[in-house]
Amino acid sequence: MKRRFFIFCLAAASLVGFAKNDKKQNVLDLKTSITDQAIVYPESFEADTQKLLESWFIKNYTATDKRYETEPDAEVSDEEMIRRLNELPTMIEMPYNQIVRSYIDRYTKKSRPQIAAILGLSLYYMPIFEQALEEQGLPLELKYLPVIESGLDPNAVSRHGATGLWQMMLGTAKGLGLEVNSLVDERRDPYVASQRAVSYLKDLYAAYGDWSLAIAAYNCGPGNVNKAIRRAGGEAKDHDFWSIYSYLSPETRGYVPMFIAANYVMNYYPKHNISPVLPSKPLVIDTIQVAERIHFNQISKVLDIPVEELRILNPQFRADVIPGTPDSPYTLILPSQQIHAYLMSENEIRGFEPDKYSHRGVVEPGEVPSDAMLAVEETQVWPEDMGEDDVALAAKQGKASVVVHKVVAGESLASIAEKYGVTPMQIKENNNLRRNAIRVGQQLRITTTNADAIAAADLKASEKAAPKGYTPKASAPKKTSTKSQKAATSTTHRVRNGETLSSIAKKYGTTVAAIKKANGLKSDNLSIGKKLIITTKYTGKKSSKKKSSRRKRRRR
């Protein structure tokens, strides 16, 4: 009995050992034998091929023939592709299988224009990637990751918000110390983003000890790779990308094969009749520290550098603004021959159209022309904090109205009193003022019988009560003359995005010609933010009838 049990245990142990060896063999074979009939290509920027071909850098610094258009892709056997991949001088393993072949064919057959454009852009970007990889001691073949991530477009943004050459998510970028705000996005900076992305790849490799897993984790995050490893079973050290392939998301499954295909096509593109891209002239660059707020247009106009060139060299400034300060300067990249010119022209650059490009720190309310009747903000509504005595006084006077006057620069108590036909003492009493001093922006309650002031208040109140986009016609009170008199009223309007002279004239009930005459305009073109003087006319006849009817009702 004991002998039978011993023989059974020995046989079982042999079967278990065979099963383990068989599993290990299958894992090793998987990377070359694996197939996938439902390949989902990861999001890429192949749709932007035309934009890549028309980029400023391609047009100005490279020369590309049209062989990729006139000559078809050369047919290459599986054996030849395996040989070529094996001959690549890479530290990272480049296995061949049906999935890798599908990506190679996608590049060499369907994306030939894109590869031509990427080859041109690589003349500028690849040395940047190589330097960052060399500094961290990482395999240089990782320089092709941005090819599959962004198509070498520093301004690429995925549907999930990943941005830049290395396609970093916002959380990852901030965790790596990159600056991201409304004006600066260092994910788009080729130098800074490359340094942080390479550092991140180094950490991922230290965690997994396998480059295929580290590359997959760069795409989908370490959490998803760890989850796939747990579902596959066994220890993490026994796995690579191919052994957990089926447990990854469809997009991540194609990431490592796409990386291998990018290495292949960037080295063997001449074998597939894709045009070699040659530099037409050298682009030698240098840097300078900018410690003040400067707009690209200021640099462009003074130094005669195309704005597009500044954007290519400095894509991190997302609004064409360098928000430098003495405490926090920013690095500006320029063609080396322009560095000296910048240093010699700093004052001229800073002073070029400063009102248009400077960032205002303190803003004073705009001044209104002296001939404008609506130079102050007035309303005939009765303030909630008005005293009972004031209300009784206004009611007793019958013809009087209480208006609220907002003090503007240059006004005094005497000038305001003269405007409303009252005395400075009356204004002081109505507002509990002990002195004649008043401040800009102060609101004063004024009880007045001045017809023009009341009419202006009527107009202002009707404007506030009217629906948006509608301006009622103003009316002035009837005077002793039997003829209705016309009075001009003026206000200022700041041009907004989308507005035209026609739409503004319609809004204020005036004409385009009147606006152009009042502002000395020679054309219909308007710039956003421009202040316009709007002059309209109103008659007092209608308003007089209204006030007369109100008086009759009161008498009854």
Protein backbone atom coordinates (compact mmCIF):
# COMPACT_ATOMS: atom_id res chain seq x y z
CA MET A 1 0.00 0.00 0.00
CA LYS A 2 2.80 2.36 0.92
CA ARG A 3 4.63 1.47 -2.27
CA ARG A 4 1.55 2.31 -4.39
CA PHE A 5 1.16 5.64 -2.62
CA PHE A 6 4.83 6.50 -3.26
CA ILE A 7 4.50 5.66 -6.96
CA PHE A 8 1.33 7.81 -7.20
CA CYS A 9 3.05 10.79 -5.59
CA LEU A 10 6.05 10.44 -7.89
CA ALA A 11 3.81 10.38 -10.96
CA ALA A 12 1.85 13.39 -9.75
CA ALA A 13 5.04 15.35 -9.14
CA SER A 14 6.23 14.51 -12.63
CA LEU A 15 2.96 15.74 -14.15
CA VAL A 16 3.09 18.97 -12.17
CA GLY A 17 6.68 19.61 -13.30
CA PHE A 18 5.74 18.93 -16.87
CA ALA A 19 2.77 21.28 -16.60
CA LYS A 20 5.00 24.06 -15.19
CA ASN A 21 7.57 23.61 -17.95
CA ASP A 22 4.81 23.56 -20.53
CA LYS A 23 3.30 26.79 -19.15
CA LYS A 24 6.69 28.49 -19.14
CA GLN A 25 7.28 27.38 -22.71
CA ASN A 26 3.87 28.68 -23.78
CA VAL A 27 4.57 32.09 -22.20
CA LEU A 28 7.87 32.34 -24.07
CA ASP A 29 6.26 31.30 -27.35
CA LEU A 30 3.29 33.64 -26.91
CA LYS A 31 5.15 36.76 -27.96
CA THR A 32 5.81 35.31 -31.42
CA SER A 33 2.74 33.11 -31.89
CA ILE A 34 0.01 35.35 -30.45
CA THR A 35 -2.71 36.50 -32.83
CA ASP A 36 -5.63 38.90 -32.50
CA GLN A 37 -8.41 39.13 -35.05
CA ALA A 38 -10.09 42.08 -33.31
CA ILE A 39 -7.28 44.62 -33.10
CA VAL A 40 -8.32 48.04 -31.81
CA TYR A 41 -5.79 50.65 -32.86
CA PRO A 42 -4.92 53.09 -30.05
CA GLU A 43 -5.92 56.70 -30.51
CA SER A 44 -3.31 58.44 -32.60
CA PHE A 45 -3.11 61.66 -34.59
CA GLU A 46 -3.00 60.20 -38.08
CA ALA A 47 -6.05 62.30 -38.94
CA ASP A 48 -3.82 65.36 -38.65
CA THR A 49 -1.46 64.20 -41.39
CA GLN A 50 -2.21 67.18 -43.62
CA LYS A 51 -1.58 69.56 -40.73
CA LEU A 52 1.76 67.86 -40.10
CA LEU A 53 2.75 68.15 -43.77
CA GLU A 54 1.79 71.84 -43.83
CA SER A 55 3.53 72.72 -40.57
CA TRP A 56 5.82 75.72 -40.57
CA PHE A 57 8.89 73.61 -39.70
CA ILE A 58 8.33 71.09 -42.52
CA LYS A 59 7.89 73.87 -45.07
CA ASN A 60 10.89 75.94 -43.97
CA TYR A 61 13.52 73.49 -42.76
CA THR A 62 13.05 70.22 -44.66
CA ALA A 63 12.97 68.98 -48.25
CA THR A 64 10.69 66.03 -49.04
CA ASP A 65 10.24 64.32 -52.39
CA LYS A 66 6.95 62.69 -53.41
CA ARG A 67 8.19 59.11 -53.73
CA TYR A 68 5.76 57.95 -51.04
CA GLU A 69 2.93 59.08 -53.38
CA THR A 70 4.22 57.68 -56.67
CA GLU A 71 5.81 54.38 -55.59
CA PRO A 72 3.81 51.74 -53.68
CA ASP A 73 4.93 49.90 -50.56
CA ALA A 74 7.37 47.08 -51.21
CA GLU A 75 6.21 43.59 -50.28
CA VAL A 76 8.26 42.10 -47.43
CA SER A 77 8.02 38.54 -46.14
CA ASP A 78 7.58 37.64 -42.48
CA GLU A 79 11.05 36.14 -42.41
CA GLU A 80 12.60 39.34 -43.71
CA MET A 81 10.77 41.46 -41.13
CA ILE A 82 11.90 39.13 -38.34
CA ARG A 83 15.47 39.46 -39.54
CA ARG A 84 15.26 43.25 -39.71
CA LEU A 85 13.77 43.53 -36.22
CA ASN A 86 16.46 41.25 -34.81
CA GLU A 87 19.15 43.42 -36.39
CA LEU A 88 17.95 46.63 -34.74
CA PRO A 89 20.57 47.74 -32.15
CA THR A 90 18.09 47.89 -29.28
CA MET A 91 18.15 46.91 -25.63
CA ILE A 92 14.37 46.46 -25.55
CA GLU A 93 13.13 43.21 -27.09
CA MET A 94 11.41 43.61 -30.47
CA PRO A 95 9.51 40.36 -31.10
CA TYR A 96 7.53 39.76 -34.28
CA ASN A 97 3.99 38.39 -34.54
CA GLN A 98 0.76 38.90 -36.44
CA ILE A 99 -0.21 41.91 -34.31
CA VAL A 100 3.13 43.67 -34.84
CA ARG A 101 2.84 42.97 -38.56
CA SER A 102 -0.60 44.64 -38.69
CA TYR A 103 0.88 47.85 -37.23
CA ILE A 104 3.87 47.82 -39.57
CA ASP A 105 1.51 47.48 -42.53
CA ARG A 106 -0.61 50.32 -41.16
CA TYR A 107 2.42 52.63 -41.13
CA THR A 108 3.99 51.56 -44.44
CA LYS A 109 0.78 51.27 -46.46
CA LYS A 110 -1.94 53.54 -45.03
CA SER A 111 0.05 56.22 -43.22
CA ARG A 112 2.84 56.96 -45.67
CA PRO A 113 2.27 60.77 -45.74
CA GLN A 114 2.24 60.83 -41.95
CA ILE A 115 5.55 58.95 -41.76
CA ALA A 116 7.08 61.41 -44.23
CA ALA A 117 5.99 64.33 -42.04
CA ILE A 118 7.16 62.63 -38.82
CA LEU A 119 10.56 61.95 -40.39
CA GLY A 120 10.87 65.67 -41.10
CA LEU A 121 9.86 66.68 -37.58
CA SER A 122 12.21 64.08 -36.09
CA LEU A 123 15.17 66.11 -37.33
CA TYR A 124 14.32 68.63 -34.61
CA TYR A 125 12.74 66.52 -31.85
CA MET A 126 14.79 63.29 -31.80
CA PRO A 127 18.00 64.95 -30.48
CA ILE A 128 15.94 66.38 -27.60
CA PHE A 129 14.54 62.95 -26.72
CA GLU A 130 17.94 61.28 -27.05
CA GLN A 131 19.58 63.78 -24.71
CA ALA A 132 16.92 63.21 -22.02
CA LEU A 133 17.28 59.41 -22.33
CA GLU A 134 21.07 59.58 -22.21
CA GLU A 135 20.99 61.66 -19.03
CA GLN A 136 18.89 59.00 -17.29
CA GLY A 137 20.72 56.03 -18.82
CA LEU A 138 17.63 54.64 -20.58
CA PRO A 139 17.48 52.78 -23.94
CA LEU A 140 17.53 55.23 -26.84
CA GLU A 141 14.83 53.32 -28.72
CA LEU A 142 12.33 54.86 -26.27
CA LYS A 143 12.67 58.05 -28.32
CA TYR A 144 10.01 56.62 -30.63
CA LEU A 145 7.32 56.62 -27.95
CA PRO A 146 6.24 60.21 -28.86
CA VAL A 147 5.81 59.00 -32.45
CA ILE A 148 2.95 56.72 -31.41
CA GLU A 149 1.73 59.04 -28.67
CA SER A 150 1.38 62.34 -30.51
CA GLY A 151 2.74 62.03 -34.04
CA LEU A 152 5.44 64.53 -32.87
CA ASP A 153 2.85 67.26 -32.42
CA PRO A 154 3.60 69.19 -29.18
CA ASN A 155 0.08 70.63 -29.19
CA ALA A 156 -1.70 67.28 -29.56
CA VAL A 157 -4.57 66.73 -27.10
CA SER A 158 -6.37 63.39 -26.83
CA ARG A 159 -10.08 63.00 -26.16
CA HIS A 160 -9.17 62.13 -22.56
CA GLY A 161 -7.14 65.33 -22.10
CA ALA A 162 -3.64 63.83 -22.46
CA THR A 163 -1.45 66.60 -23.90
CA GLY A 164 1.90 67.20 -25.53
CA LEU A 165 4.54 65.12 -27.28
CA TRP A 166 4.50 62.54 -24.48
CA GLN A 167 0.70 62.70 -23.97
CA MET A 168 0.61 63.26 -20.22
CA MET A 169 -2.61 63.50 -18.26
CA LEU A 170 -2.99 66.57 -16.04
CA GLY A 171 -2.71 64.62 -12.77
CA THR A 172 0.42 62.78 -13.91
CA ALA A 173 2.01 66.02 -15.15
CA LYS A 174 1.42 67.87 -11.88
CA GLY A 175 2.68 64.85 -9.94
CA LEU A 176 5.89 65.12 -11.94
CA GLY A 177 6.21 68.83 -11.14
CA LEU A 178 5.14 70.26 -14.50
CA GLU A 179 3.47 73.69 -14.58
CA VAL A 180 0.02 73.75 -16.16
CA ASN A 181 -2.17 76.87 -16.13
CA SER A 182 -4.03 79.14 -18.55
CA LEU A 183 -0.85 80.62 -20.07
CA VAL A 184 1.79 77.90 -19.61
CA ASP A 185 1.53 74.15 -20.20
CA GLU A 186 4.89 72.46 -19.73
CA ARG A 187 3.47 69.21 -21.10
CA ARG A 188 3.96 70.90 -24.49
CA ASP A 189 7.56 71.92 -23.74
CA PRO A 190 9.78 69.45 -25.66
CA TYR A 191 12.69 69.82 -23.22
CA VAL A 192 10.98 69.88 -19.84
CA ALA A 193 8.31 67.30 -20.73
CA SER A 194 10.95 64.92 -22.13
CA GLN A 195 12.98 65.09 -18.93
CA ARG A 196 9.95 64.32 -16.74
CA ALA A 197 8.57 61.61 -19.05
CA VAL A 198 11.94 59.83 -19.11
CA SER A 199 12.14 60.04 -15.32
CA TYR A 200 8.67 58.50 -15.10
CA LEU A 201 9.66 55.66 -17.47
CA LYS A 202 12.70 54.98 -15.33
CA ASP A 203 10.51 54.62 -12.24
CA LEU A 204 8.14 52.26 -14.08
CA TYR A 205 11.01 50.03 -15.19
CA ALA A 206 12.32 49.93 -11.62
CA ALA A 207 8.87 48.74 -10.50
CA TYR A 208 8.41 45.97 -13.11
CA GLY A 209 11.91 45.04 -14.26
CA ASP A 210 10.53 44.53 -17.77
CA TRP A 211 10.41 47.18 -20.48
CA SER A 212 7.28 45.83 -22.18
CA LEU A 213 5.35 46.13 -18.90
CA ALA A 214 6.85 49.57 -18.17
CA ILE A 215 5.80 50.81 -21.63
CA ALA A 216 2.29 49.40 -21.16
CA ALA A 217 2.05 51.06 -17.73
CA TYR A 218 3.07 54.39 -19.28
CA ASN A 219 0.04 54.10 -21.55
CA CYS A 220 -2.68 52.86 -19.21
CA GLY A 221 -1.21 53.42 -15.73
CA PRO A 222 0.44 51.02 -13.27
CA GLY A 223 -2.90 50.21 -11.63
CA ASN A 224 -4.33 48.66 -14.80
CA VAL A 225 -1.14 46.67 -15.45
CA ASN A 226 -1.14 45.36 -11.86
CA LYS A 227 -4.77 44.36 -12.22
CA ALA A 228 -3.98 42.44 -15.44
CA ILE A 229 -1.08 40.67 -13.72
CA ARG A 230 -3.36 39.59 -10.84
CA ARG A 231 -5.96 38.26 -13.26
CA ALA A 232 -3.30 36.37 -15.21
CA GLY A 233 -2.13 34.67 -11.99
CA GLY A 234 1.33 33.93 -10.68
CA GLU A 235 4.00 36.41 -9.65
CA ALA A 236 4.72 39.69 -11.39
CA LYS A 237 8.31 38.69 -12.17
CA ASP A 238 7.05 35.77 -14.26
CA HIS A 239 5.05 38.01 -16.61
CA ASP A 240 5.66 40.34 -19.49
CA PHE A 241 3.33 42.30 -21.76
CA TRP A 242 2.51 39.31 -23.94
CA SER A 243 1.52 37.01 -21.09
CA ILE A 244 -1.07 39.52 -19.80
CA TYR A 245 -2.13 40.67 -23.29
CA SER A 246 -5.67 39.26 -23.04
CA TYR A 247 -6.27 40.93 -19.66
CA LEU A 248 -5.47 44.46 -20.83
CA SER A 249 -7.88 46.97 -22.36
CA PRO A 250 -8.21 46.76 -26.17
CA GLU A 251 -6.33 50.07 -26.66
CA THR A 252 -3.41 49.12 -24.43
CA ARG A 253 -3.07 45.76 -26.20
CA GLY A 254 -1.96 47.61 -29.29
CA TYR A 255 0.47 49.95 -27.53
CA VAL A 256 3.59 47.76 -27.36
CA PRO A 257 3.05 46.32 -30.88
CA MET A 258 2.69 49.88 -32.14
CA PHE A 259 5.94 50.85 -30.39
CA ILE A 260 7.77 47.96 -32.09
CA ALA A 261 6.26 48.97 -35.45
CA ALA A 262 7.40 52.59 -34.94
CA ASN A 263 10.97 51.39 -34.30
CA TYR A 264 10.80 49.32 -37.46
CA VAL A 265 9.42 52.00 -39.79
CA MET A 266 11.64 54.82 -38.46
CA ASN A 267 14.68 52.69 -39.31
CA TYR A 268 13.56 50.88 -42.47
CA TYR A 269 11.36 53.48 -44.20
CA PRO A 270 13.60 53.60 -47.32
CA LYS A 271 12.95 49.86 -47.81
CA HIS A 272 9.25 50.69 -48.19
CA ASN A 273 9.67 53.53 -50.69
CA ILE A 274 8.85 56.22 -48.17
CA SER A 275 10.59 59.46 -49.02
CA PRO A 276 13.72 60.30 -47.07
CA VAL A 277 13.44 63.75 -45.50
CA LEU A 278 16.53 65.93 -45.64
CA PRO A 279 17.17 69.22 -43.84
CA SER A 280 17.07 72.13 -46.26
CA LYS A 281 18.85 74.45 -43.80
CA PRO A 282 20.10 74.07 -40.25
CA LEU A 283 18.02 75.23 -37.30
CA VAL A 284 20.45 76.37 -34.62
CA ILE A 285 18.76 77.58 -31.45
CA ASP A 286 19.69 79.26 -28.19
CA THR A 287 17.81 80.34 -25.07
CA ILE A 288 17.24 83.54 -23.13
CA GLN A 289 15.53 84.23 -19.81
CA VAL A 290 12.51 86.55 -20.01
CA ALA A 291 11.61 88.24 -16.70
CA GLU A 292 8.65 90.31 -17.89
CA ARG A 293 5.32 89.81 -19.60
CA ILE A 294 5.90 89.76 -23.36
CA HIS A 295 3.60 88.79 -26.24
CA PHE A 296 4.87 86.84 -29.25
CA ASN A 297 3.55 89.58 -31.55
CA GLN A 298 5.83 92.13 -29.88
CA ILE A 299 8.87 89.91 -30.53
CA SER A 300 7.71 89.09 -34.04
CA LYS A 301 7.19 92.70 -35.13
CA VAL A 302 10.42 94.08 -33.67
CA LEU A 303 12.77 91.21 -34.62
CA ASP A 304 10.96 90.23 -37.83
CA ILE A 305 10.50 86.60 -36.72
CA PRO A 306 7.35 84.76 -37.89
CA VAL A 307 4.98 84.12 -34.99
CA GLU A 308 4.64 80.55 -36.24
CA GLU A 309 8.36 80.00 -35.70
CA LEU A 310 8.08 81.27 -32.13
CA ARG A 311 5.18 78.85 -31.56
CA ILE A 312 7.12 75.90 -32.98
CA LEU A 313 10.10 76.63 -30.74
CA ASN A 314 8.03 77.54 -27.64
CA PRO A 315 4.78 75.52 -27.72
CA GLN A 316 4.46 75.66 -23.91
CA PHE A 317 3.15 79.24 -24.09
CA ARG A 318 -0.38 78.33 -25.03
CA ALA A 319 -1.72 81.91 -25.48
CA ASP A 320 1.37 83.42 -27.18
CA VAL A 321 2.16 85.17 -23.89
CA ILE A 322 5.35 84.79 -21.84
CA PRO A 323 4.20 85.64 -18.27
CA GLY A 324 7.69 86.32 -16.93
CA THR A 325 8.41 88.19 -13.69
CA PRO A 326 11.69 89.11 -11.99
CA ASP A 327 11.07 86.36 -9.41
CA SER A 328 9.92 83.79 -11.96
CA PRO A 329 11.50 84.22 -15.41
CA TYR A 330 10.71 81.88 -18.31
CA THR A 331 13.02 80.39 -20.91
CA LEU A 332 12.46 81.59 -24.46
CA ILE A 333 13.95 79.64 -27.37
CA LEU A 334 15.02 81.63 -30.42
CA PRO A 335 17.16 81.01 -33.49
CA SER A 336 20.71 81.59 -32.26
CA GLN A 337 21.28 84.53 -34.60
CA GLN A 338 18.33 86.34 -32.99
CA ILE A 339 19.53 86.13 -29.38
CA HIS A 340 21.80 89.16 -29.67
CA ALA A 341 19.09 91.09 -31.50
CA TYR A 342 16.66 90.37 -28.66
CA LEU A 343 19.11 91.59 -26.03
CA MET A 344 19.74 94.79 -27.98
CA SER A 345 16.01 95.41 -28.57
CA GLU A 346 14.49 94.54 -25.19
CA ASN A 347 13.23 98.06 -24.54
CA GLU A 348 11.77 98.34 -28.02
CA ILE A 349 10.06 94.93 -27.68
CA ARG A 350 8.62 95.88 -24.30
CA GLY A 351 7.42 99.22 -25.64
CA PHE A 352 5.79 97.90 -28.82
CA GLU A 353 2.04 98.67 -28.54
CA PRO A 354 2.05 98.39 -24.73
CA ASP A 355 -1.61 99.40 -24.43
CA LYS A 356 -2.56 96.39 -26.52
CA TYR A 357 -0.33 93.74 -24.95
CA SER A 358 0.45 94.90 -21.41
CA HIS A 359 -1.28 93.24 -18.47
CA ARG A 360 -3.03 95.93 -16.44
CA GLY A 361 -2.50 95.74 -12.71
CA VAL A 362 -4.63 98.77 -11.71
CA VAL A 363 -7.66 99.98 -13.68
CA GLU A 364 -9.45 103.32 -13.22
CA PRO A 365 -13.00 103.83 -14.50
CA GLY A 366 -13.02 105.35 -17.97
CA GLU A 367 -13.73 109.04 -18.40
CA VAL A 368 -16.78 110.12 -20.39
CA PRO A 369 -16.74 113.19 -22.70
CA SER A 370 -17.81 116.39 -20.97
CA ASP A 371 -20.68 117.01 -23.39
CA ALA A 372 -22.37 113.74 -22.47
CA MET A 373 -25.50 114.17 -20.36
CA LEU A 374 -25.20 110.61 -19.11
CA ALA A 375 -21.67 111.06 -17.80
CA VAL A 376 -22.89 109.89 -14.39
CA GLU A 377 -24.92 106.87 -13.46
CA GLU A 378 -28.43 108.01 -12.57
CA THR A 379 -31.69 106.28 -11.72
CA GLN A 380 -35.08 107.45 -10.60
CA VAL A 381 -35.74 104.42 -8.39
CA TRP A 382 -35.93 105.27 -4.71
CA PRO A 383 -33.04 103.74 -2.71
CA GLU A 384 -34.09 101.36 0.05
CA ASP A 385 -32.03 103.27 2.62
CA MET A 386 -33.61 106.67 1.83
CA GLY A 387 -34.92 108.43 4.89
CA GLU A 388 -38.64 109.09 5.40
CA ASP A 389 -38.05 112.85 5.43
CA ASP A 390 -36.54 112.68 1.94
CA VAL A 391 -39.48 110.73 0.58
CA ALA A 392 -41.99 113.12 2.17
CA LEU A 393 -40.11 116.12 0.79
CA ALA A 394 -40.13 114.71 -2.74
CA ALA A 395 -43.80 113.86 -2.58
CA LYS A 396 -44.65 117.32 -1.24
CA GLN A 397 -42.82 119.05 -4.04
CA GLY A 398 -44.83 117.12 -6.62
CA LYS A 399 -42.65 117.89 -9.62
CA ALA A 400 -39.43 116.81 -7.95
CA SER A 401 -37.70 113.46 -8.40
CA VAL A 402 -35.04 111.79 -6.32
CA VAL A 403 -32.05 110.55 -8.30
CA VAL A 404 -28.87 108.81 -7.28
CA HIS A 405 -25.70 110.39 -8.61
CA LYS A 406 -22.38 108.50 -8.72
CA VAL A 407 -19.41 110.82 -8.35
CA VAL A 408 -16.86 110.68 -11.18
CA ALA A 409 -13.34 112.05 -11.36
CA GLY A 410 -13.12 115.84 -11.55
CA GLU A 411 -16.46 116.58 -9.93
CA SER A 412 -17.02 118.70 -6.83
CA LEU A 413 -20.01 119.28 -4.60
CA ALA A 414 -20.52 122.67 -6.23
CA SER A 415 -20.47 121.31 -9.81
CA ILE A 416 -22.92 118.54 -8.94
CA ALA A 417 -25.25 121.01 -7.22
CA GLU A 418 -25.16 123.26 -10.29
CA LYS A 419 -25.96 120.29 -12.58
CA TYR A 420 -29.12 119.41 -10.65
CA GLY A 421 -30.23 122.97 -9.84
CA VAL A 422 -29.80 122.62 -6.07
CA THR A 423 -27.41 124.04 -3.49
CA PRO A 424 -24.38 122.23 -2.02
CA MET A 425 -26.02 122.57 1.42
CA GLN A 426 -29.12 120.67 0.23
CA ILE A 427 -26.94 117.79 -1.03
CA LYS A 428 -25.03 117.73 2.26
CA GLU A 429 -28.28 117.66 4.27
CA ASN A 430 -29.81 114.87 2.14
CA ASN A 431 -26.68 112.73 2.52
CA ASN A 432 -25.64 113.63 6.08
CA LEU A 433 -22.34 115.10 4.89
CA ARG A 434 -20.33 117.14 7.39
CA ARG A 435 -17.78 118.42 4.88
CA ASN A 436 -17.68 119.45 1.24
CA ALA A 437 -15.25 116.63 0.40
CA ILE A 438 -16.58 113.80 -1.80
CA ARG A 439 -14.84 110.78 -3.31
CA VAL A 440 -14.93 109.12 -6.74
CA GLY A 441 -17.60 106.41 -6.82
CA GLN A 442 -19.58 107.85 -3.91
CA GLN A 443 -23.36 107.77 -4.42
CA LEU A 444 -25.35 110.91 -3.53
CA ARG A 445 -29.15 111.18 -3.16
CA ILE A 446 -30.39 114.38 -4.79
CA THR A 447 -33.93 115.76 -4.80
CA THR A 448 -34.25 117.96 -7.87
CA THR A 449 -36.76 119.75 -10.05
CA ASN A 450 -34.25 120.11 -12.90
CA ALA A 451 -36.09 118.86 -16.02
CA ASP A 452 -32.99 117.66 -17.86
CA ALA A 453 -31.74 115.73 -14.84
CA ILE A 454 -35.12 114.06 -14.35
CA ALA A 455 -35.27 113.15 -18.06
CA ALA A 456 -31.80 111.62 -17.88
CA ALA A 457 -32.89 109.58 -14.86
CA ASP A 458 -36.01 108.44 -16.71
CA LEU A 459 -33.88 107.28 -19.63
CA LYS A 460 -31.44 105.40 -17.41
CA ALA A 461 -34.21 103.64 -15.52
CA SER A 462 -35.95 102.56 -18.74
CA GLU A 463 -32.67 101.17 -20.08
CA LYS A 464 -32.21 99.05 -16.97
CA ALA A 465 -35.80 97.80 -17.02
CA ALA A 466 -35.81 96.90 -20.73
CA PRO A 467 -35.03 93.34 -21.96
CA LYS A 468 -31.45 92.56 -22.95
CA GLY A 469 -30.58 93.92 -26.38
CA TYR A 470 -33.49 96.43 -26.37
CA THR A 471 -33.07 100.16 -25.71
CA PRO A 472 -36.27 102.23 -25.33
CA LYS A 473 -36.41 105.65 -26.88
CA ALA A 474 -35.65 108.37 -24.37
CA SER A 475 -38.04 111.21 -23.64
CA ALA A 476 -37.62 114.59 -21.99
CA PRO A 477 -40.21 116.54 -20.02
CA LYS A 478 -42.25 119.20 -21.72
CA LYS A 479 -41.06 122.76 -21.18
CA THR A 480 -42.86 126.08 -21.43
CA SER A 481 -42.39 126.20 -25.19
CA THR A 482 -45.24 124.76 -27.30
CA LYS A 483 -42.68 123.04 -29.53
CA SER A 484 -41.08 119.78 -28.35
CA GLN A 485 -37.39 120.26 -27.84
CA LYS A 486 -34.68 117.75 -28.70
CA ALA A 487 -31.75 117.05 -26.41
CA ALA A 488 -28.70 114.96 -27.21
CA THR A 489 -27.61 112.23 -24.82
CA SER A 490 -24.28 110.43 -24.94
CA THR A 491 -22.86 107.31 -23.38
CA THR A 492 -19.86 105.06 -23.91
CA HIS A 493 -19.92 101.52 -25.26
CA ARG A 494 -17.06 98.99 -25.09
CA VAL A 495 -16.99 96.76 -28.18
CA ARG A 496 -17.50 93.08 -27.46
CA ASN A 497 -16.62 89.98 -29.48
CA GLY A 498 -18.95 89.58 -32.47
CA GLU A 499 -20.34 93.13 -32.43
CA THR A 500 -20.43 95.32 -35.54
CA LEU A 501 -21.19 98.99 -36.09
CA SER A 502 -24.57 97.96 -37.46
CA SER A 503 -25.52 95.88 -34.39
CA ILE A 504 -24.34 98.63 -32.00
CA ALA A 505 -26.26 101.31 -33.89
CA LYS A 506 -29.40 99.18 -33.75
CA LYS A 507 -28.95 98.61 -30.03
CA TYR A 508 -28.80 102.32 -29.24
CA GLY A 509 -31.35 103.46 -31.81
CA THR A 510 -28.87 105.47 -33.85
CA THR A 511 -27.08 105.11 -37.21
CA VAL A 512 -23.72 103.76 -38.30
CA ALA A 513 -22.86 107.13 -39.83
CA ALA A 514 -23.58 108.90 -36.54
CA ILE A 515 -21.31 106.55 -34.59
CA LYS A 516 -18.50 106.90 -37.13
CA LYS A 517 -18.79 110.69 -37.07
CA ALA A 518 -18.82 110.87 -33.27
CA ASN A 519 -15.70 108.70 -33.01
CA GLY A 520 -13.78 109.84 -36.09
CA LEU A 521 -13.89 106.36 -37.66
CA LYS A 522 -12.89 106.01 -41.29
CA SER A 523 -13.83 102.32 -41.70
CA ASP A 524 -16.36 99.87 -40.29
CA ASN A 525 -13.68 97.74 -38.64
CA LEU A 526 -13.81 97.52 -34.84
CA SER A 527 -11.37 96.07 -32.34
CA ILE A 528 -12.58 94.21 -29.26
CA GLY A 529 -12.46 96.42 -26.18
CA LYS A 530 -12.55 99.72 -28.12
CA LYS A 531 -14.61 102.45 -26.44
CA LEU A 532 -17.17 104.22 -28.61
CA ILE A 533 -19.07 107.42 -27.88
CA ILE A 534 -22.76 106.87 -28.67
CA THR A 535 -24.91 110.00 -29.13
CA THR A 536 -28.70 109.68 -29.41
CA LYS A 537 -31.53 112.19 -29.48
CA TYR A 538 -34.82 112.17 -27.62
CA THR A 539 -37.85 114.46 -27.55
CA GLY A 540 -39.58 115.72 -24.49
CA LYS A 541 -43.15 115.75 -25.86
CA LYS A 542 -44.11 112.19 -24.95
CA SER A 543 -42.57 112.35 -21.50
CA SER A 544 -44.39 115.61 -20.79
CA LYS A 545 -47.74 113.99 -21.49
CA LYS A 546 -46.97 111.14 -19.15
CA LYS A 547 -46.00 113.46 -16.32
CA SER A 548 -49.09 115.62 -16.97
CA SER A 549 -51.37 112.60 -16.73
CA ARG A 550 -49.68 111.55 -13.49
CA ARG A 551 -50.26 115.02 -12.04
CA LYS A 552 -53.95 114.86 -12.98
CA ARG A 553 -54.35 111.52 -11.26
CA ARG A 554 -52.73 112.91 -8.13
CA ARG A 555 -55.13 115.89 -8.08
CA ARG A 556 -58.12 113.57 -8.26
